[in-house]
Protein backbone atom coordinates (compact mmCIF):
# COMPACT_ATOMS: atom_id res chain seq x y z
CA MET A 1 31.03 -3.09 -40.40
CA TYR A 2 28.36 -3.67 -37.82
CA LEU A 3 24.67 -3.29 -37.36
CA SER A 4 23.91 -0.16 -39.33
CA VAL A 5 20.58 1.44 -38.57
CA SER A 6 19.02 3.76 -41.11
CA PRO A 7 18.62 7.35 -39.92
CA LEU A 8 14.94 6.87 -40.66
CA ALA A 9 14.70 4.14 -38.04
CA VAL A 10 15.95 5.97 -34.97
CA GLY A 11 13.59 5.94 -32.05
CA ILE A 12 10.83 3.72 -33.48
CA SER A 13 9.12 1.53 -30.92
CA ALA A 14 8.65 -2.11 -31.75
CA SER A 15 4.87 -1.90 -31.64
CA HIS A 16 4.43 1.16 -33.81
CA GLY A 17 7.54 1.07 -36.01
CA LEU A 18 6.09 -0.71 -39.04
CA THR A 19 2.99 1.47 -39.06
CA LEU A 20 5.00 4.67 -38.95
CA LEU A 21 7.51 3.43 -41.51
CA SER A 22 4.74 2.59 -43.97
CA THR A 23 3.74 6.25 -44.09
CA LEU A 24 7.07 8.03 -43.66
CA VAL A 25 9.85 5.88 -45.12
CA PRO A 26 10.50 5.53 -48.86
CA VAL A 27 9.88 2.13 -50.43
CA GLY A 28 12.78 -0.26 -49.85
CA ALA A 29 14.26 1.53 -46.86
CA THR A 30 12.68 -0.86 -44.33
CA GLN A 31 14.52 -3.78 -45.93
CA ARG A 32 17.74 -2.54 -44.36
CA LEU A 33 16.49 -2.01 -40.82
CA VAL A 34 18.06 -4.24 -38.22
CA THR A 35 17.81 -4.24 -34.45
CA PRO A 36 20.90 -2.72 -32.82
CA PRO A 37 22.25 -4.23 -29.63
CA THR A 38 19.92 -3.44 -26.76
CA ALA A 39 21.32 -1.16 -24.08
CA PRO A 40 23.55 -1.90 -22.35
CA TYR A 41 25.57 -3.16 -25.30
CA PRO A 42 26.69 -6.81 -25.02
CA PRO A 43 30.17 -7.55 -23.61
CA THR A 44 31.47 -8.44 -27.09
CA TYR A 45 30.84 -4.85 -28.13
CA TRP A 46 33.12 -3.19 -25.57
CA PRO A 47 36.42 -4.30 -27.14
CA LEU A 48 35.26 -2.67 -30.36
CA ILE A 49 34.45 0.55 -28.49
CA LEU A 50 37.95 0.57 -27.01
CA LEU A 51 39.43 -0.21 -30.42
CA ALA A 52 37.51 2.65 -32.04
CA PHE A 53 38.84 5.17 -29.53
CA LEU A 54 42.29 3.92 -28.54
CA LEU A 55 43.71 2.76 -31.88
CA PRO A 56 43.36 6.14 -33.66
CA ALA A 57 44.59 7.87 -30.49
CA LEU A 58 47.74 5.71 -30.41
CA LEU A 59 48.30 6.10 -34.15
CA SER A 60 47.99 9.89 -34.13
CA PHE A 61 50.20 10.05 -31.02
CA ALA A 62 52.86 7.88 -32.66
CA LEU A 63 52.75 9.67 -36.02
CA THR A 64 52.73 13.27 -34.77
CA PRO A 65 56.55 13.34 -34.25
CA LEU A 66 56.89 12.28 -37.88
CA ALA A 67 54.59 15.14 -38.90
CA ILE A 68 56.83 17.51 -36.95
CA ARG A 69 59.91 16.27 -38.79
CA LEU A 70 58.14 16.51 -42.15
CA ALA A 71 56.96 20.07 -41.48
CA LEU A 72 60.48 21.12 -40.52
CA ARG A 73 61.89 19.51 -43.66
CA VAL A 74 59.45 21.16 -46.09
CA GLY A 75 59.37 24.48 -44.24
CA ALA A 76 55.71 24.31 -43.20
CA LEU A 77 56.10 26.59 -40.19
CA ALA A 78 53.81 29.10 -38.51
CA HIS A 79 55.97 32.13 -37.84
CA PRO A 80 55.17 34.70 -35.10
CA GLY A 81 53.45 37.91 -36.02
CA GLY A 82 50.10 39.20 -37.25
CA ARG A 83 47.18 37.40 -35.60
CA ARG A 84 49.46 34.59 -34.41
CA ILE A 85 50.10 34.73 -30.68
CA HIS A 86 53.07 32.37 -30.31
CA ASN A 87 56.62 33.74 -30.02
CA ARG A 88 58.55 31.17 -32.07
CA ALA A 89 58.17 29.23 -35.30
CA ILE A 90 55.92 26.19 -34.81
CA PRO A 91 55.63 23.26 -37.26
CA LYS A 92 52.29 22.87 -39.01
CA LEU A 93 50.81 19.83 -40.80
CA GLY A 94 49.71 18.18 -37.55
CA GLY A 95 46.50 17.22 -39.30
CA LEU A 96 48.42 14.57 -41.24
CA ALA A 97 48.84 12.52 -38.06
CA ILE A 98 45.18 13.02 -37.11
CA ALA A 99 43.96 11.94 -40.53
CA ALA A 100 46.28 8.92 -40.55
CA GLY A 101 44.87 7.82 -37.21
CA VAL A 102 41.33 7.91 -38.60
CA VAL A 103 41.95 6.51 -42.08
CA LEU A 104 44.21 3.65 -40.95
CA THR A 105 41.72 2.62 -38.27
CA LEU A 106 38.68 2.64 -40.56
CA PRO A 107 39.33 -0.67 -42.39
CA VAL A 108 40.31 -2.42 -39.15
CA LEU A 109 37.17 -1.20 -37.43
CA TYR A 110 34.99 -2.10 -40.39
CA LEU A 111 36.30 -5.65 -40.67
CA ALA A 112 36.19 -6.26 -36.92
CA GLY A 113 32.70 -4.86 -36.58
CA HIS A 114 31.34 -6.54 -39.68
CA SER A 115 32.40 -9.94 -38.36
CA LEU A 116 30.45 -9.35 -35.14
CA TRP A 117 27.41 -7.55 -36.53
CA PRO A 118 26.94 -8.18 -40.27
CA SER A 119 25.08 -5.31 -41.88
CA PRO A 120 22.25 -6.50 -44.13
CA THR A 121 21.66 -4.36 -47.19
CA ARG A 122 18.77 -3.55 -49.46
CA ALA A 123 18.41 -5.90 -52.40
CA GLY A 124 20.84 -4.91 -55.13
CA GLN A 125 22.31 -2.08 -53.04
CA PRO A 126 25.83 -1.80 -51.57
CA ASP A 127 26.53 -1.99 -47.85
CA ASP A 128 25.55 1.42 -46.44
CA VAL A 129 28.16 1.24 -43.69
CA LEU A 130 30.90 0.54 -46.23
CA LEU A 131 29.80 3.64 -48.13
CA GLU A 132 29.92 5.63 -44.89
CA VAL A 133 33.50 4.42 -44.40
CA LEU A 134 34.42 5.41 -47.96
CA ALA A 135 32.74 8.82 -47.60
CA LEU A 136 34.66 9.54 -44.41
CA ALA A 137 37.96 8.40 -45.94
CA LEU A 138 37.67 9.92 -49.42
CA GLY A 139 35.95 13.15 -48.46
CA GLY A 140 38.29 13.52 -45.50
CA LEU A 141 41.35 13.10 -47.71
CA VAL A 142 40.07 15.81 -50.06
CA ALA A 143 39.62 18.14 -47.08
CA LEU A 144 43.07 17.15 -45.83
CA ALA A 145 44.64 17.95 -49.21
CA VAL A 146 42.99 21.37 -49.28
CA GLY A 147 44.30 22.13 -45.82
CA ALA A 148 47.81 20.90 -46.63
CA ILE A 149 48.01 23.06 -49.76
CA ASP A 150 46.83 26.05 -47.73
CA ASP A 151 49.46 25.39 -45.06
CA LEU A 152 52.18 25.22 -47.73
CA ARG A 153 51.05 27.89 -50.18
CA ASP A 154 48.47 30.10 -48.40
CA LEU A 155 45.44 29.62 -50.64
CA SER A 156 43.23 32.60 -51.36
CA PRO A 157 39.60 32.38 -50.12
CA GLY A 158 38.16 31.39 -53.51
CA PRO A 159 40.22 28.24 -54.18
CA HIS A 160 40.02 27.37 -50.49
CA PHE A 161 36.23 27.40 -50.59
CA LEU A 162 36.18 25.35 -53.81
CA GLY A 163 38.35 22.74 -52.12
CA GLN A 164 35.98 22.56 -49.17
CA PHE A 165 33.04 22.25 -51.55
CA ALA A 166 34.83 19.40 -53.37
CA ALA A 167 35.25 17.54 -50.07
CA ALA A 168 31.54 17.92 -49.21
CA LEU A 169 30.51 16.95 -52.75
CA THR A 170 32.70 13.85 -52.58
CA ALA A 171 30.82 12.70 -49.49
CA VAL A 172 27.45 13.35 -51.15
CA ILE A 173 28.41 11.37 -54.26
CA VAL A 174 29.62 8.39 -52.24
CA LEU A 175 26.58 8.46 -49.94
CA TRP A 176 24.04 8.96 -52.73
CA PRO A 177 22.67 5.38 -52.64
CA THR A 178 22.37 5.34 -48.84
CA ALA A 179 19.47 6.22 -46.56
CA MET A 180 21.58 9.05 -45.09
CA LEU A 181 20.68 11.21 -48.09
CA GLY A 182 17.09 9.96 -48.29
CA PRO A 183 14.36 12.59 -48.66
CA LEU A 184 13.19 12.18 -45.06
CA THR A 185 16.56 12.04 -43.30
CA LEU A 186 16.20 15.52 -41.82
CA ILE A 187 12.73 14.72 -40.50
CA GLY A 188 13.55 11.37 -38.96
CA VAL A 189 10.99 9.08 -37.39
CA GLY A 190 10.04 7.97 -33.93
CA VAL A 191 8.66 9.92 -31.01
CA ASN A 192 9.73 13.31 -32.35
CA ALA A 193 8.91 12.74 -36.02
CA GLN A 194 5.31 13.96 -35.83
CA ALA A 195 6.35 17.16 -34.05
CA ARG A 196 9.12 17.86 -36.55
CA SER A 197 6.76 17.13 -39.41
CA SER A 198 4.18 19.59 -38.10
CA VAL A 199 6.81 22.33 -37.74
CA LEU A 200 8.03 21.74 -41.30
CA ARG A 201 4.55 21.33 -42.79
CA PRO A 202 4.56 24.81 -44.45
CA LEU A 203 7.77 23.81 -46.26
CA PHE A 204 6.22 20.54 -47.39
CA THR A 205 3.20 22.42 -48.71
CA LEU A 206 5.46 24.87 -50.55
CA LEU A 207 7.34 21.96 -52.15
CA GLY A 208 4.06 20.28 -53.12
CA LEU A 209 4.90 17.00 -51.40
CA PRO A 210 2.24 14.26 -51.54
CA ARG A 211 0.40 13.34 -48.34
CA THR A 212 -1.26 10.22 -46.99
CA VAL A 213 -4.81 10.25 -45.71
CA ALA A 214 -3.44 10.87 -42.20
CA GLY A 215 -1.54 13.91 -43.45
CA ASP A 216 1.94 12.36 -43.30
CA ILE A 217 4.49 12.83 -46.08
CA ASN A 218 4.14 10.06 -48.65
CA CYS A 219 7.33 9.25 -50.54
CA SER A 220 6.25 5.77 -51.61
CA GLN A 221 6.08 6.73 -55.30
CA ALA A 222 9.29 7.12 -57.27
CA GLY A 223 10.28 10.77 -57.58
CA ALA A 224 7.45 11.95 -55.32
CA CYS A 225 9.85 13.64 -52.90
CA SER A 226 12.62 14.63 -55.31
CA SER A 227 12.46 18.28 -54.22
CA LEU A 228 12.87 17.30 -50.57
CA HIS A 229 15.70 14.96 -51.55
CA ALA A 230 17.47 17.83 -53.30
CA LEU A 231 16.93 20.07 -50.27
CA THR A 232 18.45 17.40 -48.03
CA VAL A 233 21.53 17.16 -50.25
CA VAL A 234 21.96 20.95 -50.24
CA PHE A 235 21.64 20.99 -46.47
CA VAL A 236 24.26 18.25 -46.05
CA VAL A 237 26.73 20.16 -48.23
CA LEU A 238 26.14 23.40 -46.30
CA TRP A 239 26.42 21.54 -43.00
CA LEU A 240 29.80 20.07 -43.92
CA LEU A 241 31.06 23.43 -45.18
CA GLY A 242 29.95 25.07 -41.95
CA MET A 243 31.64 22.46 -39.78
CA MET A 244 34.93 22.76 -41.67
CA ASN A 245 34.97 26.52 -41.20
CA THR A 246 33.88 26.29 -37.57
CA VAL A 247 36.78 24.04 -36.56
CA ASN A 248 39.14 26.14 -38.69
CA PHE A 249 38.11 29.34 -36.89
CA LEU A 250 38.34 27.55 -33.55
CA ASP A 251 41.98 26.59 -34.11
CA GLY A 252 43.54 29.73 -32.65
CA ILE A 253 44.68 28.65 -29.18
CA ASP A 254 46.82 25.68 -28.20
CA GLY A 255 44.65 22.66 -27.49
CA LEU A 256 41.36 24.43 -28.22
CA ALA A 257 40.08 22.93 -31.47
CA GLY A 258 41.29 19.41 -30.72
CA GLY A 259 39.80 19.39 -27.23
CA VAL A 260 36.40 20.66 -28.35
CA VAL A 261 36.33 18.01 -31.10
CA VAL A 262 37.07 15.30 -28.51
CA ILE A 263 34.20 16.53 -26.31
CA ALA A 264 31.78 16.75 -29.23
CA SER A 265 32.72 13.30 -30.48
CA VAL A 266 32.22 11.62 -27.11
CA VAL A 267 28.86 13.36 -26.66
CA LEU A 268 27.66 12.23 -30.10
CA SER A 269 28.69 8.66 -29.30
CA LEU A 270 26.95 8.72 -25.92
CA LEU A 271 23.79 10.06 -27.50
CA ALA A 272 23.75 7.31 -30.11
CA ALA A 273 24.22 4.66 -27.42
CA THR A 274 21.67 5.98 -24.92
CA VAL A 275 18.65 6.80 -27.06
CA ASN A 276 15.81 4.31 -26.86
CA PRO A 277 16.28 2.14 -28.80
CA PRO A 278 20.04 2.72 -29.20
CA GLN A 279 21.32 3.53 -32.66
CA GLY A 280 23.48 1.21 -34.71
CA PRO A 281 27.12 0.61 -33.81
CA ASP A 282 28.33 2.79 -36.69
CA ALA A 283 26.66 5.80 -35.04
CA VAL A 284 28.39 4.96 -31.76
CA LEU A 285 31.84 4.09 -33.08
CA PHE A 286 32.49 6.66 -35.82
CA PRO A 287 32.45 9.67 -33.45
CA LEU A 288 34.85 7.85 -31.10
CA LEU A 289 37.15 7.28 -34.07
CA VAL A 290 37.38 11.02 -34.73
CA GLY A 291 37.64 11.93 -31.06
CA GLY A 292 40.38 9.39 -30.42
CA ALA A 293 42.55 10.72 -33.24
CA ALA A 294 42.14 14.28 -31.95
CA LEU A 295 43.01 13.17 -28.40
CA GLY A 296 46.26 11.51 -29.48
CA PHE A 297 47.33 14.71 -31.20
CA LEU A 298 46.49 16.86 -28.15
CA ALA A 299 49.51 15.49 -26.31
CA PHE A 300 51.68 17.58 -28.66
CA ASN A 301 49.28 20.50 -29.11
CA TRP A 302 48.63 21.35 -25.46
CA HIS A 303 50.11 24.70 -24.40
CA PRO A 304 52.92 25.31 -25.14
CA ALA A 305 52.29 23.52 -28.42
CA ARG A 306 55.04 21.60 -30.20
CA ILE A 307 53.00 21.43 -33.42
CA PHE A 308 49.80 22.96 -34.82
CA MET A 309 47.09 20.97 -36.56
CA ALA A 310 46.81 24.08 -38.76
CA ASP A 311 44.46 24.13 -41.74
CA THR A 312 45.41 20.53 -42.56
CA GLY A 313 43.90 19.25 -39.33
CA ALA A 314 41.10 21.79 -39.01
CA GLN A 315 39.65 20.96 -42.42
CA PHE A 316 39.87 17.22 -41.86
CA LEU A 317 38.43 17.30 -38.33
CA GLY A 318 35.65 19.69 -39.33
CA PHE A 319 34.63 17.48 -42.22
CA ALA A 320 34.88 14.26 -40.18
CA LEU A 321 32.94 15.64 -37.22
CA GLY A 322 30.24 17.01 -39.51
CA LEU A 323 29.88 13.67 -41.26
CA VAL A 324 29.74 11.48 -38.14
CA ALA A 325 27.02 13.76 -36.76
CA LEU A 326 24.88 12.57 -39.69
CA VAL A 327 25.62 8.85 -39.35
CA GLY A 328 22.89 6.61 -37.98
CA GLY A 329 20.37 9.41 -37.58
CA ALA A 330 20.92 13.14 -37.67
CA LYS A 331 22.36 14.39 -34.36
CA LEU A 332 22.69 17.92 -35.65
CA GLY A 333 20.92 19.50 -32.67
CA THR A 334 23.40 17.93 -30.28
CA ALA A 335 26.36 19.01 -32.43
CA LEU A 336 24.99 22.55 -32.54
CA ILE A 337 24.62 22.64 -28.75
CA VAL A 338 28.12 21.32 -28.03
CA LEU A 339 29.70 23.62 -30.64
CA ALA A 340 27.44 26.58 -29.94
CA VAL A 341 30.25 28.89 -28.79
CA PRO A 342 32.55 28.38 -31.83
CA ILE A 343 29.58 28.35 -34.24
CA LEU A 344 28.35 31.68 -32.90
CA ASP A 345 31.91 33.00 -33.16
CA VAL A 346 31.81 32.07 -36.87
CA ALA A 347 28.45 33.83 -37.24
CA TRP A 348 29.90 36.87 -35.48
CA ALA A 349 32.83 36.86 -37.92
CA ILE A 350 30.45 36.73 -40.90
CA VAL A 351 28.52 39.73 -39.62
CA ARG A 352 31.67 41.58 -38.66
CA ARG A 353 33.59 41.01 -41.90
CA ARG A 354 30.68 41.09 -44.35
CA ALA A 355 32.24 41.24 -47.83
CA SER A 356 35.73 40.62 -46.48
CA PHE A 357 34.85 37.28 -44.86
CA GLY A 358 37.96 35.66 -46.30
CA ARG A 359 40.26 38.17 -44.62
CA ALA A 360 41.88 37.14 -41.33
CA ASP A 361 41.59 39.29 -38.23
CA ARG A 362 42.35 39.11 -34.54
CA ASN A 363 38.82 39.53 -33.27
CA HIS A 364 37.67 36.00 -32.61
CA LEU A 365 36.42 35.28 -29.13
CA HIS A 366 39.64 33.61 -28.01
CA HIS A 367 41.66 36.60 -29.24
CA ARG A 368 39.47 39.01 -27.29
CA LEU A 369 39.82 36.91 -24.16
CA LEU A 370 43.59 37.02 -24.58
CA ASP A 371 43.42 40.81 -24.92
CA LEU A 372 41.59 40.90 -21.59
CA GLY A 373 44.56 39.17 -19.95
CA LEU A 374 43.37 35.57 -19.73
CA GLY A 375 45.88 32.76 -20.25
CA HIS A 376 45.75 29.95 -22.79
CA ARG A 377 44.49 27.32 -20.36
CA GLN A 378 41.89 29.66 -18.89
CA ILE A 379 40.49 30.33 -22.36
CA VAL A 380 40.48 26.63 -23.20
CA ALA A 381 38.55 26.00 -19.97
CA ILE A 382 36.02 28.66 -20.95
CA TYR A 383 35.35 26.78 -24.19
CA TYR A 384 35.50 23.28 -22.70
CA THR A 385 33.13 23.96 -19.79
CA PRO A 386 29.96 24.90 -21.71
CA ALA A 387 30.70 22.20 -24.29
CA ILE A 388 30.76 19.55 -21.55
CA ILE A 389 27.81 20.92 -19.56
CA PHE A 390 25.51 21.44 -22.51
CA GLY A 391 26.75 18.24 -24.15
CA VAL A 392 25.66 16.22 -21.13
CA ALA A 393 22.36 18.10 -21.08
CA SER A 394 21.75 17.28 -24.73
CA VAL A 395 22.28 13.58 -24.00
CA VAL A 396 19.81 13.69 -21.12
CA LEU A 397 17.22 15.69 -23.08
CA HIS A 398 15.98 13.50 -25.92
CA ASP A 399 13.08 15.73 -26.97
CA TRP A 400 14.13 17.98 -29.86
CA ARG A 401 12.04 20.89 -28.58
CA GLN A 402 13.90 20.86 -25.26
CA LYS A 403 17.18 20.86 -27.18
CA ALA A 404 15.98 23.77 -29.31
CA ALA A 405 15.12 25.74 -26.16
CA LEU A 406 18.51 24.89 -24.66
CA LEU A 407 20.26 26.03 -27.83
CA LEU A 408 18.36 29.33 -27.86
CA ILE A 409 19.28 30.02 -24.24
CA LEU A 410 22.93 29.19 -24.87
CA ALA A 411 22.97 31.33 -28.02
CA LEU A 412 21.51 34.29 -26.15
CA VAL A 413 24.09 34.02 -23.36
CA VAL A 414 26.99 33.73 -25.80
CA VAL A 415 25.79 36.61 -27.99
CA LEU A 416 25.43 38.89 -24.95
CA ALA A 417 28.89 37.87 -23.73
CA MET A 418 30.45 38.50 -27.15
CA ALA A 419 28.74 41.89 -27.40
CA ARG A 420 30.15 42.78 -24.01
CA LEU A 421 33.63 41.67 -25.08
CA ALA A 422 33.34 43.67 -28.30
CA ARG A 423 33.00 46.82 -26.21
CA ALA A 424 35.66 45.88 -23.68
CA ALA A 425 38.42 44.63 -25.99
CA PRO A 426 40.45 46.76 -28.45
CA ARG A 427 38.89 47.77 -31.72
CA GLU A 428 38.99 45.39 -34.69
CA GLN A 429 42.16 45.23 -36.72
CA GLN A 430 42.20 43.36 -40.01
CA LEU A 431 45.35 41.52 -40.91
CA PRO A 432 46.80 40.44 -44.23
């Protein structure tokens, strides 16, 4: 598609990159490293940026009326009552338009980008960026199918979770040959690699990972870091599952989930473009692809909504956002900061529901804010504001320890606010 930079290559200076790679990167990974466009990106790159954002936005905007007609025809409607706060039947299946915007744009973006920035591959290995495209498309379609079935038939928690797991596993299988699932992906390299490595050193010792003379992790021998590789795969699956459930829980107020996804996507793209050196174009463009599709749908989902993305859209967007946060170098800290409020709401739900986690209730943060008399747009602003402020801060702060401190502060503020709301709002009521 374009210059694809291995996650292991992010942040390496030209003078020290080869030295650091020789100790940290598995054999063969350096054969794929290419130099991304230096910041600012060349003029030929900007049309591709606009294409990545505007084409999926226009497609999802154009296809959403068709999704409305389809939902009305098949009876996929969200009726008032229970934890639902609308007063009339609203079509579901809005996620079909969002997914179409992403999936239809992917081949166009890949071909256009690949012609401008050919992506060299490791000898005998497939194009990593092509595999990223396939993982996003195939895994996203699995997540979309799970959501669509749930919107039509109301899946029980067990089959619903198995469907989510299948989507995450599909991505792992497709990405298996790529550096994204390499044993050192979660450590990274560059200016923060040594600090991360020192923090994780007890884990490395527990796993019995081999070391170089300098004390760095040595994965140069085949199978030497298999345990760390397995741990990385497990983490990626859990991360994707968590993101799908986070966006699903967030989709309770008109315009809320879609807007937060747009903000998160733009922040991830900005981060990839502004780090020194900037990451590969795939890391910049993929988030814009997801954000653009969500933005096009928002025109119909803004209060009062004409259609809901429902589980169809929430599962797809959660999966897609989780995956693009991994592309080109893990940006998980930034994603956690931008999505801190909804993620903590999910954690609150887990603690609150315990064994009945699969049961729906009306005690999410947005429900409690409604009970306190706030309007839809006020609640959306409450979610958007910290996402924007802390998203910008995460782009400015490149040191992972500063981001960790920022995340802890934000988590403390949100937990205290939610505890206060738990006392102020009506008592919990579980719903069928």
